[in-house]
Amino acid sequence: MLHKLRDMGIRSDHFFIAGFASIGLSLASWMVSRTTEEAGIDRADRWGIFIGQWAPTFFALGTAMRVEETHPEVREREMREKEMMRGETKEMAREMSSRTGNTRMHTPT
């Protein structure tokens, strides 16, 4: 998932900004809900807590993306593992076709 986000151009800074924005939005929604809604302080608290819970998720994603950005060997290792798995899959298909005598071999890509 992190690879796809990185390929889309999303950086760790974007997640950190979203985390801080979530904290600000939490405070703002609490204040607005407290003063404009008739439901009272309970609903305002729920809105503030609901939006405030987004911040840890954004910060965790930002940290994971930062690791992805600063340690390219993590991505390179995962790419090598994928290639090894593809090679093993092709080798298994060859073995199966040779055991069954099937001359037409289908290798997954």
Foldseek 3Di string as FASTA:
>chain_A
DLVVCVVVVDALVVLQVQLVVLLVVLVVQLVCCQPPDPVHNVVSNVSSVVSNVVNVVSNVSSVVRVCVVPPVVVVVVVVVVVVVVLVVQQVVQVVVCVVVVNPDTDRDD
